[in-house]
Each structure stands twice: as C-alpha cells, then as structure tokens.
Full PDB file with SEQRES, HELIX, SHEET, SSBOND, CRYST1, ORIGX, SCALE, CONECT and MASTER records, all heavy atoms in Angstrom:
SEQRES   1 A   31  GLU PHE TYR ASP HIS PHE VAL ASP GLY ASN GLU TRP TYR          
SEQRES   2 A   31  ASN ILE ILE LYS THR PHE GLU ILE GLN GLU GLU LYS THR          
SEQRES   3 A   31  GLU LEU GLN ARG PHE                                          
HELIX    1 AA1 PHE A   19  ILE A   21  5                                   3    
HELIX    2 AA2 GLN A   22  GLN A   29  1                                   8    
CRYST1    1.000    1.000    1.000  90.00  90.00  90.00 P 1           1          
ORIGX1      1.000000  0.000000  0.000000        0.00000                         
ORIGX2      0.000000  1.000000  0.000000        0.00000                         
ORIGX3      0.000000  0.000000  1.000000        0.00000                         
SCALE1      1.000000  0.000000  0.000000        0.00000                         
SCALE2      0.000000  1.000000  0.000000        0.00000                         
SCALE3      0.000000  0.000000  1.000000        0.00000                         
ATOM      1  N   GLU A   1     -17.465  69.126   6.828  1.00  0.00           N  
ATOM      2  CA  GLU A   1     -17.284  70.362   7.600  1.00  0.00           C  
ATOM      3  C   GLU A   1     -16.965  71.485   6.610  1.00  0.00           C  
ATOM      4  O   GLU A   1     -16.434  71.248   5.521  1.00  0.00           O  
ATOM      5  CB  GLU A   1     -16.143  70.234   8.608  1.00  0.00           C  
ATOM      6  CG  GLU A   1     -16.368  69.183   9.687  1.00  0.00           C  
ATOM      7  CD  GLU A   1     -15.154  69.038  10.595  1.00  0.00           C  
ATOM      8  OE1 GLU A   1     -14.647  70.075  11.095  1.00  0.00           O  
ATOM      9  OE2 GLU A   1     -14.701  67.902  10.788  1.00  0.00           O  
ATOM     10  N   PHE A   2     -17.273  72.720   7.035  1.00  0.00           N  
ATOM     11  CA  PHE A   2     -16.990  73.886   6.188  1.00  0.00           C  
ATOM     12  C   PHE A   2     -16.740  75.080   7.086  1.00  0.00           C  
ATOM     13  O   PHE A   2     -17.495  75.359   8.018  1.00  0.00           O  
ATOM     14  CB  PHE A   2     -18.185  74.176   5.263  1.00  0.00           C  
ATOM     15  CG  PHE A   2     -17.837  75.036   4.076  1.00  0.00           C  
ATOM     16  CD1 PHE A   2     -17.530  74.473   2.856  1.00  0.00           C  
ATOM     17  CD2 PHE A   2     -17.818  76.430   4.187  1.00  0.00           C  
ATOM     18  CE1 PHE A   2     -17.222  75.271   1.749  1.00  0.00           C  
ATOM     19  CE2 PHE A   2     -17.490  77.227   3.113  1.00  0.00           C  
ATOM     20  CZ  PHE A   2     -17.196  76.638   1.882  1.00  0.00           C  
ATOM     21  N   TYR A   3     -15.649  75.805   6.805  1.00  0.00           N  
ATOM     22  CA  TYR A   3     -15.264  76.961   7.623  1.00  0.00           C  
ATOM     23  C   TYR A   3     -14.912  78.135   6.713  1.00  0.00           C  
ATOM     24  O   TYR A   3     -14.303  77.956   5.657  1.00  0.00           O  
ATOM     25  CB  TYR A   3     -14.054  76.630   8.504  1.00  0.00           C  
ATOM     26  CG  TYR A   3     -14.310  75.467   9.434  1.00  0.00           C  
ATOM     27  CD1 TYR A   3     -13.906  74.173   9.087  1.00  0.00           C  
ATOM     28  CD2 TYR A   3     -14.987  75.641  10.636  1.00  0.00           C  
ATOM     29  CE1 TYR A   3     -14.163  73.101   9.931  1.00  0.00           C  
ATOM     30  CE2 TYR A   3     -15.251  74.583  11.487  1.00  0.00           C  
ATOM     31  CZ  TYR A   3     -14.833  73.306  11.122  1.00  0.00           C  
ATOM     32  OH  TYR A   3     -15.081  72.238  11.960  1.00  0.00           O  
ATOM     33  N   ASP A   4     -15.303  79.327   7.155  1.00  0.00           N  
ATOM     34  CA  ASP A   4     -14.979  80.558   6.447  1.00  0.00           C  
ATOM     35  C   ASP A   4     -13.896  81.288   7.215  1.00  0.00           C  
ATOM     36  O   ASP A   4     -14.151  81.850   8.291  1.00  0.00           O  
ATOM     37  CB  ASP A   4     -16.231  81.433   6.330  1.00  0.00           C  
ATOM     38  CG  ASP A   4     -16.000  82.696   5.508  1.00  0.00           C  
ATOM     39  OD1 ASP A   4     -14.832  83.059   5.277  1.00  0.00           O  
ATOM     40  OD2 ASP A   4     -16.997  83.335   5.113  1.00  0.00           O  
ATOM     41  N   HIS A   5     -12.681  81.289   6.680  1.00  0.00           N  
ATOM     42  CA  HIS A   5     -11.538  81.863   7.396  1.00  0.00           C  
ATOM     43  C   HIS A   5     -11.576  83.383   7.452  1.00  0.00           C  
ATOM     44  O   HIS A   5     -10.876  83.980   8.272  1.00  0.00           O  
ATOM     45  CB  HIS A   5     -10.226  81.381   6.780  1.00  0.00           C  
ATOM     46  CG  HIS A   5      -9.742  80.108   7.382  1.00  0.00           C  
ATOM     47  ND1 HIS A   5      -8.684  80.039   8.261  1.00  0.00           N  
ATOM     48  CD2 HIS A   5     -10.193  78.837   7.277  1.00  0.00           C  
ATOM     49  CE1 HIS A   5      -8.492  78.808   8.655  1.00  0.00           C  
ATOM     50  NE2 HIS A   5      -9.409  78.044   8.056  1.00  0.00           N  
ATOM     51  N   PHE A   6     -12.372  83.995   6.619  1.00  0.00           N  
ATOM     52  CA  PHE A   6     -12.454  85.449   6.694  1.00  0.00           C  
ATOM     53  C   PHE A   6     -13.209  85.920   7.925  1.00  0.00           C  
ATOM     54  O   PHE A   6     -13.035  87.048   8.371  1.00  0.00           O  
ATOM     55  CB  PHE A   6     -13.123  86.000   5.425  1.00  0.00           C  
ATOM     56  CG  PHE A   6     -12.226  85.997   4.200  1.00  0.00           C  
ATOM     57  CD1 PHE A   6     -10.963  85.409   4.230  1.00  0.00           C  
ATOM     58  CD2 PHE A   6     -12.646  86.577   3.022  1.00  0.00           C  
ATOM     59  CE1 PHE A   6     -10.146  85.403   3.126  1.00  0.00           C  
ATOM     60  CE2 PHE A   6     -11.823  86.583   1.893  1.00  0.00           C  
ATOM     61  CZ  PHE A   6     -10.583  85.975   1.933  1.00  0.00           C  
ATOM     62  N   VAL A   7     -14.057  85.055   8.473  1.00  0.00           N  
ATOM     63  CA  VAL A   7     -14.827  85.421   9.677  1.00  0.00           C  
ATOM     64  C   VAL A   7     -14.558  84.483  10.852  1.00  0.00           C  
ATOM     65  O   VAL A   7     -14.917  84.786  11.987  1.00  0.00           O  
ATOM     66  CB  VAL A   7     -16.347  85.455   9.374  1.00  0.00           C  
ATOM     67  CG1 VAL A   7     -16.660  86.517   8.352  1.00  0.00           C  
ATOM     68  CG2 VAL A   7     -16.846  84.095   8.919  1.00  0.00           C  
ATOM     69  N   ASP A   8     -13.930  83.315  10.595  1.00  0.00           N  
ATOM     70  CA  ASP A   8     -13.723  82.323  11.636  1.00  0.00           C  
ATOM     71  C   ASP A   8     -12.366  81.645  11.434  1.00  0.00           C  
ATOM     72  O   ASP A   8     -12.275  80.491  11.062  1.00  0.00           O  
ATOM     73  CB  ASP A   8     -14.863  81.285  11.597  1.00  0.00           C  
ATOM     74  CG  ASP A   8     -14.705  80.164  12.625  1.00  0.00           C  
ATOM     75  OD1 ASP A   8     -14.015  80.388  13.642  1.00  0.00           O  
ATOM     76  OD2 ASP A   8     -15.256  79.066  12.384  1.00  0.00           O  
ATOM     77  N   GLY A   9     -11.296  82.415  11.691  1.00  0.00           N  
ATOM     78  CA  GLY A   9      -9.945  81.881  11.477  1.00  0.00           C  
ATOM     79  C   GLY A   9      -9.581  80.734  12.410  1.00  0.00           C  
ATOM     80  O   GLY A   9      -8.660  79.982  12.122  1.00  0.00           O  
ATOM     81  N   ASN A  10     -10.314  80.577  13.510  1.00  0.00           N  
ATOM     82  CA  ASN A  10     -10.050  79.492  14.446  1.00  0.00           C  
ATOM     83  C   ASN A  10     -10.770  78.196  14.084  1.00  0.00           C  
ATOM     84  O   ASN A  10     -10.578  77.172  14.762  1.00  0.00           O  
ATOM     85  CB  ASN A  10     -10.477  79.907  15.859  1.00  0.00           C  
ATOM     86  CG  ASN A  10      -9.646  81.020  16.418  1.00  0.00           C  
ATOM     87  OD1 ASN A  10      -8.416  80.928  16.477  1.00  0.00           O  
ATOM     88  ND2 ASN A  10     -10.297  82.107  16.828  1.00  0.00           N  
ATOM     89  N   GLU A  11     -11.614  78.253  13.069  1.00  0.00           N  
ATOM     90  CA  GLU A  11     -12.420  77.089  12.682  1.00  0.00           C  
ATOM     91  C   GLU A  11     -13.227  76.551  13.855  1.00  0.00           C  
ATOM     92  O   GLU A  11     -13.281  75.361  14.127  1.00  0.00           O  
ATOM     93  CB  GLU A  11     -11.537  76.001  12.065  1.00  0.00           C  
ATOM     94  CG  GLU A  11     -10.875  76.418  10.774  1.00  0.00           C  
ATOM     95  CD  GLU A  11     -10.093  75.312  10.081  1.00  0.00           C  
ATOM     96  OE1 GLU A  11      -9.867  74.254  10.713  1.00  0.00           O  
ATOM     97  OE2 GLU A  11      -9.682  75.507   8.921  1.00  0.00           O  
ATOM     98  N   TRP A  12     -13.902  77.464  14.507  1.00  0.00           N  
ATOM     99  CA  TRP A  12     -14.746  77.095  15.647  1.00  0.00           C  
ATOM    100  C   TRP A  12     -16.160  76.677  15.217  1.00  0.00           C  
ATOM    101  O   TRP A  12     -16.815  75.931  15.925  1.00  0.00           O  
ATOM    102  CB  TRP A  12     -14.839  78.269  16.618  1.00  0.00           C  
ATOM    103  CG  TRP A  12     -13.622  78.434  17.463  1.00  0.00           C  
ATOM    104  CD1 TRP A  12     -12.646  77.511  17.737  1.00  0.00           C  
ATOM    105  CD2 TRP A  12     -13.248  79.606  18.201  1.00  0.00           C  
ATOM    106  NE1 TRP A  12     -11.692  78.035  18.573  1.00  0.00           N  
ATOM    107  CE2 TRP A  12     -12.028  79.315  18.875  1.00  0.00           C  
ATOM    108  CE3 TRP A  12     -13.807  80.864  18.367  1.00  0.00           C  
ATOM    109  CZ2 TRP A  12     -11.382  80.238  19.692  1.00  0.00           C  
ATOM    110  CZ3 TRP A  12     -13.168  81.784  19.180  1.00  0.00           C  
ATOM    111  CH2 TRP A  12     -11.965  81.482  19.835  1.00  0.00           C  
ATOM    112  N   TYR A  13     -16.613  77.197  14.086  1.00  0.00           N  
ATOM    113  CA  TYR A  13     -18.026  77.021  13.730  1.00  0.00           C  
ATOM    114  C   TYR A  13     -18.179  76.350  12.372  1.00  0.00           C  
ATOM    115  O   TYR A  13     -17.873  76.932  11.324  1.00  0.00           O  
ATOM    116  CB  TYR A  13     -18.730  78.378  13.734  1.00  0.00           C  
ATOM    117  CG  TYR A  13     -18.531  79.120  15.037  1.00  0.00           C  
ATOM    118  CD1 TYR A  13     -17.665  80.223  15.121  1.00  0.00           C  
ATOM    119  CD2 TYR A  13     -19.137  78.680  16.205  1.00  0.00           C  
ATOM    120  CE1 TYR A  13     -17.461  80.886  16.318  1.00  0.00           C  
ATOM    121  CE2 TYR A  13     -18.930  79.328  17.426  1.00  0.00           C  
ATOM    122  CZ  TYR A  13     -18.087  80.423  17.466  1.00  0.00           C  
ATOM    123  OH  TYR A  13     -17.869  81.077  18.657  1.00  0.00           O  
ATOM    124  N   ASN A  14     -18.631  75.103  12.408  1.00  0.00           N  
ATOM    125  CA  ASN A  14     -18.864  74.326  11.203  1.00  0.00           C  
ATOM    126  C   ASN A  14     -20.172  74.800  10.562  1.00  0.00           C  
ATOM    127  O   ASN A  14     -21.262  74.565  11.099  1.00  0.00           O  
ATOM    128  CB  ASN A  14     -18.947  72.843  11.558  1.00  0.00           C  
ATOM    129  CG  ASN A  14     -19.217  71.971  10.349  1.00  0.00           C  
ATOM    130  OD1 ASN A  14     -19.115  72.397   9.210  1.00  0.00           O  
ATOM    131  ND2 ASN A  14     -19.576  70.707  10.610  1.00  0.00           N  
ATOM    132  N   ILE A  15     -20.075  75.441   9.394  1.00  0.00           N  
ATOM    133  CA  ILE A  15     -21.252  76.033   8.764  1.00  0.00           C  
ATOM    134  C   ILE A  15     -21.686  75.238   7.533  1.00  0.00           C  
ATOM    135  O   ILE A  15     -22.273  75.765   6.603  1.00  0.00           O  
ATOM    136  CB  ILE A  15     -21.003  77.499   8.379  1.00  0.00           C  
ATOM    137  CG1 ILE A  15     -19.777  77.616   7.453  1.00  0.00           C  
ATOM    138  CG2 ILE A  15     -20.816  78.347   9.635  1.00  0.00           C  
ATOM    139  CD1 ILE A  15     -19.557  79.018   6.886  1.00  0.00           C  
ATOM    140  N   ILE A  16     -21.439  73.925   7.559  1.00  0.00           N  
ATOM    141  CA  ILE A  16     -21.732  73.092   6.388  1.00  0.00           C  
ATOM    142  C   ILE A  16     -23.209  73.113   6.010  1.00  0.00           C  
ATOM    143  O   ILE A  16     -23.558  72.967   4.815  1.00  0.00           O  
ATOM    144  CB  ILE A  16     -21.263  71.638   6.616  1.00  0.00           C  
ATOM    145  CG1 ILE A  16     -21.349  70.831   5.328  1.00  0.00           C  
ATOM    146  CG2 ILE A  16     -22.040  70.987   7.750  1.00  0.00           C  
ATOM    147  CD1 ILE A  16     -20.479  71.330   4.225  1.00  0.00           C  
ATOM    148  N   LYS A  17     -24.097  73.318   6.959  1.00  0.00           N  
ATOM    149  CA  LYS A  17     -25.531  73.276   6.664  1.00  0.00           C  
ATOM    150  C   LYS A  17     -26.076  74.645   6.256  1.00  0.00           C  
ATOM    151  O   LYS A  17     -27.282  74.778   5.982  1.00  0.00           O  
ATOM    152  CB  LYS A  17     -26.285  72.753   7.864  1.00  0.00           C  
ATOM    153  CG  LYS A  17     -25.933  71.294   8.205  1.00  0.00           C  
ATOM    154  CD  LYS A  17     -26.722  70.795   9.409  1.00  0.00           C  
ATOM    155  CE  LYS A  17     -26.345  69.346   9.727  1.00  0.00           C  
ATOM    156  NZ  LYS A  17     -27.076  68.842  10.921  1.00  0.00           N  
ATOM    157  N   THR A  18     -25.198  75.635   6.213  1.00  0.00           N  
ATOM    158  CA  THR A  18     -25.647  76.980   5.850  1.00  0.00           C  
ATOM    159  C   THR A  18     -25.901  77.053   4.351  1.00  0.00           C  
ATOM    160  O   THR A  18     -25.033  76.696   3.534  1.00  0.00           O  
ATOM    161  CB  THR A  18     -24.586  78.025   6.238  1.00  0.00           C  
ATOM    162  OG1 THR A  18     -24.305  77.896   7.623  1.00  0.00           O  
ATOM    163  CG2 THR A  18     -25.097  79.428   5.960  1.00  0.00           C  
ATOM    164  N   PHE A  19     -27.052  77.519   3.977  1.00  0.00           N  
ATOM    165  CA  PHE A  19     -27.445  77.560   2.568  1.00  0.00           C  
ATOM    166  C   PHE A  19     -26.498  78.433   1.752  1.00  0.00           C  
ATOM    167  O   PHE A  19     -26.144  78.107   0.616  1.00  0.00           O  
ATOM    168  CB  PHE A  19     -28.876  78.105   2.423  1.00  0.00           C  
ATOM    169  CG  PHE A  19     -29.306  78.291   1.008  1.00  0.00           C  
ATOM    170  CD1 PHE A  19     -29.687  77.218   0.219  1.00  0.00           C  
ATOM    171  CD2 PHE A  19     -29.323  79.557   0.431  1.00  0.00           C  
ATOM    172  CE1 PHE A  19     -30.068  77.390  -1.098  1.00  0.00           C  
ATOM    173  CE2 PHE A  19     -29.692  79.746  -0.898  1.00  0.00           C  
ATOM    174  CZ  PHE A  19     -30.083  78.661  -1.657  1.00  0.00           C  
ATOM    175  N   GLU A  20     -26.036  79.536   2.325  1.00  0.00           N  
ATOM    176  CA  GLU A  20     -25.241  80.505   1.583  1.00  0.00           C  
ATOM    177  C   GLU A  20     -23.909  79.962   1.061  1.00  0.00           C  
ATOM    178  O   GLU A  20     -23.319  80.507   0.144  1.00  0.00           O  
ATOM    179  CB  GLU A  20     -24.961  81.730   2.457  1.00  0.00           C  
ATOM    180  CG  GLU A  20     -26.166  82.628   2.696  1.00  0.00           C  
ATOM    181  CD  GLU A  20     -27.119  82.063   3.748  1.00  0.00           C  
ATOM    182  OE1 GLU A  20     -26.721  81.069   4.412  1.00  0.00           O  
ATOM    183  OE2 GLU A  20     -28.232  82.589   3.902  1.00  0.00           O  
ATOM    184  N   ILE A  21     -23.410  78.887   1.646  1.00  0.00           N  
ATOM    185  CA  ILE A  21     -22.080  78.402   1.247  1.00  0.00           C  
ATOM    186  C   ILE A  21     -22.158  77.218   0.276  1.00  0.00           C  
ATOM    187  O   ILE A  21     -21.120  76.666  -0.109  1.00  0.00           O  
ATOM    188  CB  ILE A  21     -21.236  78.011   2.470  1.00  0.00           C  
ATOM    189  CG1 ILE A  21     -21.912  76.918   3.308  1.00  0.00           C  
ATOM    190  CG2 ILE A  21     -20.922  79.220   3.313  1.00  0.00           C  
ATOM    191  CD1 ILE A  21     -21.551  75.501   2.954  1.00  0.00           C  
ATOM    192  N   GLN A  22     -23.340  76.828  -0.148  1.00  0.00           N  
ATOM    193  CA  GLN A  22     -23.459  75.631  -0.975  1.00  0.00           C  
ATOM    194  C   GLN A  22     -22.746  75.792  -2.326  1.00  0.00           C  
ATOM    195  O   GLN A  22     -22.166  74.843  -2.852  1.00  0.00           O  
ATOM    196  CB  GLN A  22     -24.933  75.267  -1.190  1.00  0.00           C  
ATOM    197  CG  GLN A  22     -25.649  74.893   0.096  1.00  0.00           C  
ATOM    198  CD  GLN A  22     -24.922  73.826   0.908  1.00  0.00           C  
ATOM    199  OE1 GLN A  22     -24.549  72.769   0.371  1.00  0.00           O  
ATOM    200  NE2 GLN A  22     -24.696  74.101   2.180  1.00  0.00           N  
ATOM    201  N   GLU A  23     -22.763  76.970  -2.894  1.00  0.00           N  
ATOM    202  CA  GLU A  23     -22.080  77.197  -4.169  1.00  0.00           C  
ATOM    203  C   GLU A  23     -20.563  77.046  -3.991  1.00  0.00           C  
ATOM    204  O   GLU A  23     -19.884  76.425  -4.824  1.00  0.00           O  
ATOM    205  CB  GLU A  23     -22.407  78.587  -4.714  1.00  0.00           C  
ATOM    206  CG  GLU A  23     -21.777  78.867  -6.064  1.00  0.00           C  
ATOM    207  CD  GLU A  23     -22.172  80.222  -6.623  1.00  0.00           C  
ATOM    208  OE1 GLU A  23     -23.154  80.827  -6.122  1.00  0.00           O  
ATOM    209  OE2 GLU A  23     -21.502  80.694  -7.562  1.00  0.00           O  
ATOM    210  N   GLU A  24     -20.034  77.626  -2.910  1.00  0.00           N  
ATOM    211  CA  GLU A  24     -18.597  77.528  -2.635  1.00  0.00           C  
ATOM    212  C   GLU A  24     -18.208  76.065  -2.334  1.00  0.00           C  
ATOM    213  O   GLU A  24     -17.144  75.591  -2.768  1.00  0.00           O  
ATOM    214  CB  GLU A  24     -18.222  78.399  -1.446  1.00  0.00           C  
ATOM    215  CG  GLU A  24     -18.203  79.886  -1.744  1.00  0.00           C  
ATOM    216  CD  GLU A  24     -19.597  80.518  -1.671  1.00  0.00           C  
ATOM    217  OE1 GLU A  24     -20.567  79.770  -1.369  1.00  0.00           O  
ATOM    218  OE2 GLU A  24     -19.701  81.729  -1.921  1.00  0.00           O  
ATOM    219  N   LYS A  25     -19.079  75.368  -1.626  1.00  0.00           N  
ATOM    220  CA  LYS A  25     -18.804  73.956  -1.349  1.00  0.00           C  
ATOM    221  C   LYS A  25     -18.737  73.142  -2.645  1.00  0.00           C  
ATOM    222  O   LYS A  25     -17.802  72.343  -2.829  1.00  0.00           O  
ATOM    223  CB  LYS A  25     -19.913  73.388  -0.453  1.00  0.00           C  
ATOM    224  CG  LYS A  25     -19.894  71.888  -0.294  1.00  0.00           C  
ATOM    225  CD  LYS A  25     -21.122  71.388   0.444  1.00  0.00           C  
ATOM    226  CE  LYS A  25     -21.468  69.977   0.005  1.00  0.00           C  
ATOM    227  NZ  LYS A  25     -22.675  69.465   0.663  1.00  0.00           N  
ATOM    228  N   THR A  26     -19.666  73.364  -3.531  1.00  0.00           N  
ATOM    229  CA  THR A  26     -19.663  72.657  -4.815  1.00  0.00           C  
ATOM    230  C   THR A  26     -18.397  72.943  -5.602  1.00  0.00           C  
ATOM    231  O   THR A  26     -17.814  72.056  -6.225  1.00  0.00           O  
ATOM    232  CB  THR A  26     -20.887  73.054  -5.643  1.00  0.00           C  
ATOM    233  OG1 THR A  26     -22.071  72.734  -4.905  1.00  0.00           O  
ATOM    234  CG2 THR A  26     -20.901  72.351  -6.983  1.00  0.00           C  
ATOM    235  N   GLU A  27     -17.929  74.190  -5.542  1.00  0.00           N  
ATOM    236  CA  GLU A  27     -16.700  74.569  -6.239  1.00  0.00           C  
ATOM    237  C   GLU A  27     -15.518  73.801  -5.688  1.00  0.00           C  
ATOM    238  O   GLU A  27     -14.670  73.284  -6.435  1.00  0.00           O  
ATOM    239  CB  GLU A  27     -16.485  76.068  -6.114  1.00  0.00           C  
ATOM    240  CG  GLU A  27     -15.141  76.579  -6.595  1.00  0.00           C  
ATOM    241  CD  GLU A  27     -14.929  76.419  -8.103  1.00  0.00           C  
ATOM    242  OE1 GLU A  27     -15.930  76.217  -8.828  1.00  0.00           O  
ATOM    243  OE2 GLU A  27     -13.783  76.483  -8.543  1.00  0.00           O  
ATOM    244  N   LEU A  28     -15.406  73.699  -4.354  1.00  0.00           N  
ATOM    245  CA  LEU A  28     -14.256  73.027  -3.744  1.00  0.00           C  
ATOM    246  C   LEU A  28     -14.328  71.514  -3.908  1.00  0.00           C  
ATOM    247  O   LEU A  28     -13.293  70.829  -3.974  1.00  0.00           O  
ATOM    248  CB  LEU A  28     -14.169  73.385  -2.256  1.00  0.00           C  
ATOM    249  CG  LEU A  28     -13.824  74.850  -1.943  1.00  0.00           C  
ATOM    250  CD1 LEU A  28     -13.730  75.089  -0.466  1.00  0.00           C  
ATOM    251  CD2 LEU A  28     -12.526  75.261  -2.628  1.00  0.00           C  
ATOM    252  N   GLN A  29     -15.534  70.972  -4.001  1.00  0.00           N  
ATOM    253  CA  GLN A  29     -15.673  69.517  -4.192  1.00  0.00           C  
ATOM    254  C   GLN A  29     -15.003  69.058  -5.484  1.00  0.00           C  
ATOM    255  O   GLN A  29     -14.601  67.893  -5.601  1.00  0.00           O  
ATOM    256  CB  GLN A  29     -17.146  69.126  -4.218  1.00  0.00           C  
ATOM    257  CG  GLN A  29     -17.791  69.059  -2.838  1.00  0.00           C  
ATOM    258  CD  GLN A  29     -19.260  68.689  -2.931  1.00  0.00           C  
ATOM    259  OE1 GLN A  29     -19.987  69.179  -3.815  1.00  0.00           O  
ATOM    260  NE2 GLN A  29     -19.719  67.861  -2.010  1.00  0.00           N  
ATOM    261  N   ARG A  30     -14.864  69.947  -6.441  1.00  0.00           N  
ATOM    262  CA  ARG A  30     -14.230  69.582  -7.723  1.00  0.00           C  
ATOM    263  C   ARG A  30     -12.795  69.141  -7.536  1.00  0.00           C  
ATOM    264  O   ARG A  30     -12.251  68.416  -8.378  1.00  0.00           O  
ATOM    265  CB  ARG A  30     -14.267  70.777  -8.684  1.00  0.00           C  
ATOM    266  CG  ARG A  30     -15.618  71.244  -9.118  1.00  0.00           C  
ATOM    267  CD  ARG A  30     -15.537  72.220 -10.277  1.00  0.00           C  
ATOM    268  NE  ARG A  30     -14.712  73.390 -10.027  1.00  0.00           N  
ATOM    269  CZ  ARG A  30     -13.543  73.621 -10.619  1.00  0.00           C  
ATOM    270  NH1 ARG A  30     -13.044  72.747 -11.498  1.00  0.00           N  
ATOM    271  NH2 ARG A  30     -12.850  74.712 -10.363  1.00  0.00           N  
ATOM    272  N   PHE A  31     -12.179  69.561  -6.453  1.00  0.00           N  
ATOM    273  CA  PHE A  31     -10.768  69.266  -6.250  1.00  0.00           C  
ATOM    274  C   PHE A  31     -10.526  68.007  -5.428  1.00  0.00           C  
ATOM    275  O   PHE A  31      -9.370  67.650  -5.156  1.00  0.00           O  
ATOM    276  CB  PHE A  31     -10.078  70.458  -5.589  1.00  0.00           C  
ATOM    277  CG  PHE A  31     -10.202  71.732  -6.380  1.00  0.00           C  
ATOM    278  CD1 PHE A  31     -10.843  72.845  -5.860  1.00  0.00           C  
ATOM    279  CD2 PHE A  31      -9.698  71.815  -7.674  1.00  0.00           C  
ATOM    280  CE1 PHE A  31     -10.968  74.020  -6.581  1.00  0.00           C  
ATOM    281  CE2 PHE A  31      -9.805  72.979  -8.405  1.00  0.00           C  
ATOM    282  CZ  PHE A  31     -10.454  74.083  -7.864  1.00  0.00           C  
TER     283      PHE A  31                                                      
MASTER        0    0    0    2    0    0    0    6  282    1    0    3          
END                                                                             
C-alpha cells in the first residue's frame, strides 16, 4: 500500500500502482 499524506491524510486511497510514486516507493523500501 502507498499513501500521500499531503493530499490524503485519511489514507483512503491506496496509490501503490500509480507510476508517479515509484521513485518514492523505492526510496522508502531502503528502510
């Protein structure tokens, strides 16, 4: 799952398949 709190503070919309967030996802996977 992936949520952007700047636009979806309620975590209503799982945007894991959105192409635009793949770089951010890769960055967080490091942790």
